[in-house]
Amino acid sequence: MTLRPGPLNLITDVPGLLVGNAEDLRAITGATVILPGSRAVAAADVRGGAPGTRETDALSPENLVDAVDAIVLSGGSVYGLDAAGGVAAALGAMGRGYAMANSNLVAPVVPAAILFDLTNGGVKDWGDEPPYRALGKVALAAVAREFALGNAGAGLGARAGAYKGGLGSVSAMDDDGLIVGALVAANPLGSPIVPGSRVFWAQPFAFGDELGPRRAFPSGPIDPEWPPDTKTGDSTSGPLPPRANTTIGVVATNAALTPAEAKRVAIMAQDGYARACRPIHTMMDGDVVFTLATGTFELQGPRPLAVSRLGMIAADCAARALARGVYEARPVGTMRAVRDIFGS
């Protein structure tokens, strides 16, 4: 069945989802909030060797929590987890959250993941008041169907191999009404570009010109190139120094899923990272995929096959979103952008 991008080619093509970004330009960091219209089934899959997360254990299918109120992606490493605290506080004040018996209080469930951008040249002299709690609240207040990509939100301070990383988003839909979207903050150790070329690893999965003009893959065997990105296409730099990284993202769908099915979709979506970046899930990465299922569409046909097809589409969307975040990025400090090096 033919797939095509949604009207916006953003994760917000899934009805009911909104996204907000907030940035601290001086610190070169930011946060992104994904807000469903009502509590949504969610799951998480963690693959990287250096993850930083909040509430992911609560999402395990055997546990009490079966829906979330928002998901937060943030820069800032351990400091960035505060962004989810700011979002939870703001949602609680609105009365949004898990309703507790015999109480007027609610407990907002706000899972989060962070990426490492502490050494990107931004000024991090925040003392004992990092900006992330405030950034989370600002991002929540900014939620909308349309939002910026590239140097936005959690993608502002990101780096992807030798290139400027960023925030990317895409969507896919079919004629039956299934909609899948992805939003990824790309900050991997590995390269989104095929070694010795100007081609995105994810190019075969792209729709239209969302990753720029199509270029031919190199012929013959591909040099694995380790360390990755010792070349940036126009000059030779030394091997990149070891550093902390991480690619974090959300795949969303309008399908009705159980928590266990949402978990399977998150597991399958991690393959999208592997299709778009090499290497991935290293000891220096903390790669995470969340699934959000809003539940307004009933899958058709044998259930295991339908969920598996959904996971396949989610993986392709994750690959496209990772690469699109890099493609849409612009230079910041010493971080050079793919489009400046290779041309648009």
Protein backbone atom coordinates (compact mmCIF):
# COMPACT_ATOMS: atom_id res chain seq x y z
CA MET A 1 0.00 0.00 0.00
CA THR A 2 1.42 3.36 -1.03
CA LEU A 3 2.76 5.59 1.71
CA ARG A 4 3.10 9.34 1.44
CA PRO A 5 4.06 12.20 3.76
CA GLY A 6 1.30 13.89 5.72
CA PRO A 7 0.28 17.48 4.91
CA LEU A 8 3.00 19.00 7.13
CA ASN A 9 5.51 16.13 6.94
CA LEU A 10 5.88 16.52 10.70
CA ILE A 11 5.03 14.33 13.66
CA THR A 12 2.07 16.63 14.26
CA ASP A 13 0.34 15.11 11.24
CA VAL A 14 -0.78 12.59 13.88
CA PRO A 15 -4.03 14.28 15.01
CA GLY A 16 -3.95 15.71 18.50
CA LEU A 17 -0.17 16.02 18.80
CA LEU A 18 1.53 19.36 19.34
CA VAL A 19 5.23 20.18 19.63
CA GLY A 20 6.97 23.11 21.29
CA ASN A 21 10.61 24.21 21.28
CA ALA A 22 12.62 26.49 23.52
CA GLU A 23 16.26 27.55 23.22
CA ASP A 24 18.98 29.20 25.28
CA LEU A 25 21.11 30.73 22.53
CA ARG A 26 23.91 31.76 24.89
CA ALA A 27 24.30 28.26 26.28
CA ILE A 28 23.61 26.68 22.83
CA THR A 29 21.07 24.25 24.19
CA GLY A 30 17.34 23.72 24.27
CA ALA A 31 14.35 21.53 24.99
CA THR A 32 11.44 20.08 23.03
CA VAL A 33 8.00 19.03 24.33
CA ILE A 34 5.67 16.59 22.59
CA LEU A 35 2.14 17.06 23.92
CA PRO A 36 -0.79 14.77 23.07
CA GLY A 37 -4.29 16.19 23.19
CA SER A 38 -5.14 13.71 25.94
CA ARG A 39 -3.22 11.02 27.80
CA ALA A 40 -1.68 8.60 25.30
CA VAL A 41 -0.31 5.07 25.47
CA ALA A 42 3.48 5.16 25.46
CA ALA A 43 6.57 2.98 25.60
CA ALA A 44 10.33 3.43 25.50
CA ASP A 45 13.29 1.51 24.18
CA VAL A 46 16.84 2.36 25.31
CA ARG A 47 19.80 1.09 23.28
CA GLY A 48 22.76 3.41 23.80
CA GLY A 49 25.56 2.73 26.28
CA ALA A 50 25.25 6.10 28.06
CA PRO A 51 21.53 6.90 28.44
CA GLY A 52 19.97 9.70 30.46
CA THR A 53 16.26 9.18 31.01
CA ARG A 54 13.30 9.83 33.28
CA GLU A 55 10.21 7.64 33.84
CA THR A 56 11.20 4.98 31.30
CA ASP A 57 10.86 2.16 33.86
CA ALA A 58 7.34 3.33 34.62
CA LEU A 59 6.40 2.64 31.00
CA SER A 60 7.18 -1.08 31.14
CA PRO A 61 4.05 -3.02 30.15
CA GLU A 62 3.95 -4.88 33.47
CA ASN A 63 3.75 -1.66 35.49
CA LEU A 64 0.86 0.62 36.49
CA VAL A 65 1.38 3.50 34.08
CA ASP A 66 -0.36 2.88 30.75
CA ALA A 67 -0.45 6.45 29.40
CA VAL A 68 1.58 9.66 29.53
CA ASP A 69 0.81 13.35 29.54
CA ALA A 70 3.84 14.60 27.57
CA ILE A 71 7.33 13.59 26.48
CA VAL A 72 10.36 15.84 26.77
CA LEU A 73 13.60 15.76 24.78
CA SER A 74 16.36 18.02 26.04
CA GLY A 75 19.97 18.98 25.71
CA GLY A 76 22.06 19.49 28.82
CA SER A 77 22.99 15.93 29.79
CA VAL A 78 22.01 15.29 33.43
CA TYR A 79 20.97 18.93 33.88
CA GLY A 80 18.49 18.62 31.04
CA LEU A 81 16.28 16.19 32.92
CA ASP A 82 15.02 19.22 34.84
CA ALA A 83 13.09 20.25 31.72
CA ALA A 84 10.61 17.42 32.36
CA GLY A 85 10.17 18.65 35.93
CA GLY A 86 9.17 22.05 34.62
CA VAL A 87 6.69 20.49 32.21
CA ALA A 88 5.23 18.23 34.91
CA ALA A 89 4.76 21.20 37.24
CA ALA A 90 3.02 23.24 34.56
CA LEU A 91 0.75 20.36 33.53
CA GLY A 92 -0.12 19.67 37.16
CA ALA A 93 -1.15 23.28 37.60
CA MET A 94 -3.47 22.82 34.62
CA GLY A 95 -5.00 19.72 36.20
CA ARG A 96 -3.50 17.36 33.60
CA GLY A 97 -2.11 14.09 34.87
CA TYR A 98 -2.80 10.75 36.47
CA ALA A 99 -5.82 11.17 38.71
CA MET A 100 -5.26 9.90 42.25
CA ALA A 101 -8.06 8.44 44.35
CA ASN A 102 -9.46 10.60 47.14
CA SER A 103 -7.43 13.62 46.08
CA ASN A 104 -7.79 16.70 43.96
CA LEU A 105 -4.14 16.38 42.96
CA VAL A 106 -2.90 14.86 39.73
CA ALA A 107 0.45 13.30 38.92
CA PRO A 108 1.58 14.23 35.39
CA VAL A 109 3.57 11.43 33.78
CA VAL A 110 6.30 13.06 31.69
CA PRO A 111 9.01 10.69 30.44
CA ALA A 112 12.14 12.35 29.14
CA ALA A 113 15.52 11.71 27.55
CA ILE A 114 18.56 13.94 27.25
CA LEU A 115 21.49 14.34 24.88
CA PHE A 116 24.99 15.60 25.63
CA ASP A 117 25.76 19.13 24.41
CA LEU A 118 27.79 20.49 27.34
CA THR A 119 31.04 20.93 25.37
CA ASN A 120 29.66 22.56 22.22
CA GLY A 121 31.10 26.01 22.95
CA GLY A 122 28.07 27.51 24.65
CA VAL A 123 28.38 29.38 27.92
CA LYS A 124 27.35 27.02 30.72
CA ASP A 125 28.05 29.27 33.73
CA TRP A 126 24.61 28.69 35.25
CA GLY A 127 25.85 27.78 38.73
CA ASP A 128 23.15 25.98 40.70
CA GLU A 129 20.30 27.17 38.44
CA PRO A 130 20.54 25.42 35.07
CA PRO A 131 18.03 26.79 32.55
CA TYR A 132 16.25 23.54 31.73
CA ARG A 133 13.28 23.70 34.10
CA ALA A 134 12.42 27.10 32.63
CA LEU A 135 13.10 25.86 29.08
CA GLY A 136 10.65 23.02 29.60
CA LYS A 137 7.92 25.44 30.64
CA VAL A 138 8.64 27.75 27.70
CA ALA A 139 8.56 24.85 25.26
CA LEU A 140 5.24 23.65 26.70
CA ALA A 141 3.75 27.13 26.32
CA ALA A 142 4.92 27.19 22.67
CA VAL A 143 3.30 23.94 21.50
CA ALA A 144 1.72 24.08 18.05
CA ARG A 145 1.18 21.93 14.97
CA GLU A 146 3.98 23.67 13.08
CA PHE A 147 7.43 24.06 14.60
CA ALA A 148 11.02 24.73 13.59
CA LEU A 149 13.54 22.05 12.64
CA GLY A 150 17.32 21.98 12.64
CA ASN A 151 18.73 24.38 15.24
CA ALA A 152 15.59 24.25 17.36
CA GLY A 153 14.70 22.89 20.77
CA ALA A 154 16.76 19.89 21.82
CA GLY A 155 18.56 20.03 18.47
CA LEU A 156 20.11 23.47 18.94
CA GLY A 157 23.38 22.27 20.46
CA ALA A 158 23.49 18.86 18.79
CA ARG A 159 26.34 17.52 16.71
CA ALA A 160 26.14 14.53 14.34
CA GLY A 161 29.55 13.06 13.79
CA ALA A 162 31.62 15.84 12.20
CA TYR A 163 28.53 17.85 11.28
CA LYS A 164 26.04 20.09 13.02
CA GLY A 165 23.19 17.94 14.33
CA GLY A 166 19.63 19.06 14.84
CA LEU A 167 15.94 18.41 15.30
CA GLY A 168 14.18 16.54 12.51
CA SER A 169 10.61 15.42 11.94
CA VAL A 170 8.65 13.58 9.26
CA SER A 171 5.41 11.68 8.76
CA ALA A 172 3.90 8.91 6.63
CA MET A 173 0.30 7.91 5.97
CA ASP A 174 -1.60 5.37 3.90
CA ASP A 175 -4.97 5.28 2.16
CA ASP A 176 -6.64 3.42 5.04
CA GLY A 177 -6.00 6.24 7.51
CA LEU A 178 -2.94 5.00 9.39
CA ILE A 179 -0.60 7.88 10.28
CA VAL A 180 2.92 7.57 11.67
CA GLY A 181 5.26 10.41 12.54
CA ALA A 182 8.70 10.79 14.05
CA LEU A 183 10.65 13.54 15.78
CA VAL A 184 14.37 13.04 16.45
CA ALA A 185 17.07 15.14 18.07
CA ALA A 186 20.18 13.89 16.26
CA ASN A 187 23.42 14.06 18.24
CA PRO A 188 25.15 10.76 17.38
CA LEU A 189 28.81 9.84 17.56
CA GLY A 190 28.40 8.16 14.19
CA SER A 191 28.03 9.73 10.79
CA PRO A 192 24.76 10.39 8.95
CA ILE A 193 26.76 10.54 5.71
CA VAL A 194 28.13 7.61 3.70
CA PRO A 195 31.95 7.78 4.02
CA GLY A 196 33.67 9.46 1.10
CA SER A 197 30.43 10.83 -0.33
CA ARG A 198 27.78 13.53 0.00
CA VAL A 199 24.97 11.03 0.46
CA PHE A 200 22.83 10.51 3.56
CA TRP A 201 22.64 6.91 4.73
CA ALA A 202 18.88 7.50 5.00
CA GLN A 203 18.45 8.73 1.43
CA PRO A 204 16.71 5.54 0.17
CA PHE A 205 13.88 6.12 2.65
CA ALA A 206 13.37 9.83 1.95
CA PHE A 207 10.25 11.29 0.36
CA GLY A 208 10.80 13.98 -2.26
CA ASP A 209 13.47 16.53 -1.44
CA GLU A 210 13.21 16.37 2.36
CA LEU A 211 16.94 15.48 2.41
CA GLY A 212 17.87 17.65 -0.54
CA PRO A 213 18.78 16.48 -4.03
CA ARG A 214 19.27 12.75 -4.53
CA ARG A 215 22.84 11.71 -5.18
CA ALA A 216 24.26 8.40 -6.31
CA PHE A 217 25.61 6.06 -3.66
CA PRO A 218 29.32 5.24 -4.00
CA SER A 219 29.96 2.17 -6.13
CA GLY A 220 31.80 -0.77 -4.65
CA PRO A 221 32.48 -1.61 -1.00
CA ILE A 222 31.99 1.19 1.53
CA ASP A 223 34.93 1.96 3.81
CA PRO A 224 33.62 1.61 7.37
CA GLU A 225 35.82 4.57 8.40
CA TRP A 226 36.67 4.47 12.09
CA PRO A 227 36.81 6.88 13.82
CA PRO A 228 33.78 8.17 11.87
CA ASP A 229 33.84 11.42 9.96
CA THR A 230 37.56 11.99 9.79
CA LYS A 231 36.68 13.88 6.63
CA THR A 232 33.99 16.53 6.28
CA GLY A 233 33.84 16.43 2.51
CA ASP A 234 36.01 19.44 1.74
CA SER A 235 38.98 18.99 4.02
CA THR A 236 40.65 16.46 6.27
CA SER A 237 40.46 16.94 10.00
CA GLY A 238 41.90 14.70 12.65
CA PRO A 239 39.90 11.93 14.27
CA LEU A 240 37.16 13.34 16.45
CA PRO A 241 37.92 13.19 20.18
CA PRO A 242 35.86 10.84 22.34
CA ARG A 243 32.78 12.58 23.67
CA ALA A 244 29.30 11.88 24.92
CA ASN A 245 26.52 11.92 22.34
CA THR A 246 23.01 10.43 21.99
CA THR A 247 20.12 10.39 19.54
CA ILE A 248 16.70 10.72 21.18
CA GLY A 249 13.30 10.70 19.56
CA VAL A 250 9.60 9.91 19.48
CA VAL A 251 7.62 7.88 16.98
CA ALA A 252 3.90 8.55 17.14
CA THR A 253 0.83 7.00 15.56
CA ASN A 254 -2.91 7.41 15.53
CA ALA A 255 -3.26 3.63 15.94
CA ALA A 256 -4.73 2.09 19.05
CA LEU A 257 -1.96 0.06 20.71
CA THR A 258 -1.50 -1.76 23.97
CA PRO A 259 1.57 -0.81 26.04
CA ALA A 260 3.24 -4.05 24.93
CA GLU A 261 2.55 -3.30 21.26
CA ALA A 262 3.85 0.24 21.70
CA LYS A 263 7.03 -1.23 23.15
CA ARG A 264 7.48 -3.46 20.10
CA VAL A 265 7.07 -0.43 17.82
CA ALA A 266 9.75 1.45 19.81
CA ILE A 267 12.10 -1.53 19.51
CA MET A 268 11.57 -1.72 15.77
CA ALA A 269 11.94 2.06 15.39
CA GLN A 270 15.46 1.88 16.81
CA ASP A 271 16.41 0.20 13.53
CA GLY A 272 15.67 3.52 11.88
CA TYR A 273 18.60 5.04 13.72
CA ALA A 274 20.79 2.25 12.34
CA ARG A 275 19.54 2.96 8.81
CA ALA A 276 20.45 6.64 9.13
CA CYS A 277 23.72 6.64 11.06
CA ARG A 278 26.86 4.53 11.36
CA PRO A 279 27.89 3.50 13.97
CA ILE A 280 24.92 3.76 16.33
CA HIS A 281 24.17 2.55 19.90
CA THR A 282 27.84 2.95 20.87
CA MET A 283 29.21 3.14 24.40
CA MET A 284 29.21 6.95 24.06
CA ASP A 285 25.60 7.22 22.83
CA GLY A 286 22.45 7.06 24.96
CA ASP A 287 19.99 6.35 22.16
CA VAL A 288 16.30 6.29 23.13
CA VAL A 289 13.04 5.94 21.19
CA PHE A 290 9.65 6.66 22.73
CA THR A 291 6.37 5.53 21.17
CA LEU A 292 3.15 7.54 21.50
CA ALA A 293 -0.16 6.00 20.38
CA THR A 294 -3.19 8.29 20.39
CA GLY A 295 -5.63 5.44 19.72
CA THR A 296 -8.04 6.95 17.19
CA PHE A 297 -7.38 4.39 14.42
CA GLU A 298 -8.03 0.65 14.57
CA LEU A 299 -5.45 -1.51 12.83
CA GLN A 300 -6.83 -3.89 10.22
CA GLY A 301 -6.06 -7.56 9.62
CA PRO A 302 -4.11 -10.05 11.73
CA ARG A 303 -2.85 -8.14 14.76
CA PRO A 304 0.79 -9.32 14.81
CA LEU A 305 1.22 -8.45 11.14
CA ALA A 306 -0.45 -5.06 11.51
CA VAL A 307 1.72 -4.09 14.48
CA SER A 308 4.83 -5.32 12.68
CA ARG A 309 3.99 -3.25 9.59
CA LEU A 310 3.49 -0.23 11.83
CA GLY A 311 6.90 -0.83 13.39
CA MET A 312 8.51 -1.02 9.95
CA ILE A 313 6.98 2.32 8.95
CA ALA A 314 8.05 3.82 12.29
CA ALA A 315 11.65 2.70 11.66
CA ASP A 316 11.68 4.34 8.23
CA CYS A 317 10.25 7.54 9.74
CA ALA A 318 12.92 7.52 12.47
CA ALA A 319 15.63 7.20 9.82
CA ARG A 320 14.19 10.06 7.79
CA ALA A 321 13.75 12.27 10.86
CA LEU A 322 17.33 11.73 12.06
CA ALA A 323 18.74 12.68 8.67
CA ARG A 324 16.33 15.58 8.24
CA GLY A 325 17.48 17.05 11.54
CA VAL A 326 21.04 17.11 10.19
CA TYR A 327 19.94 18.40 6.79
CA GLU A 328 17.96 21.29 8.29
CA ALA A 329 20.73 22.33 10.70
CA ARG A 330 22.78 25.49 10.33
CA PRO A 331 26.31 26.26 11.57
CA VAL A 332 26.82 27.15 15.23
CA GLY A 333 30.25 28.10 16.52
CA THR A 334 32.76 25.61 15.16
CA MET A 335 30.07 23.12 14.16
CA ARG A 336 29.71 23.13 10.39
CA ALA A 337 26.44 22.22 8.67
CA VAL A 338 26.06 19.57 5.97
CA ARG A 339 24.38 22.00 3.59
CA ASP A 340 27.24 24.48 3.89
CA ILE A 341 29.81 21.77 3.20
CA PHE A 342 28.01 19.85 0.46
CA GLY A 343 25.60 22.46 -0.84
CA SER A 344 21.83 22.22 -0.70
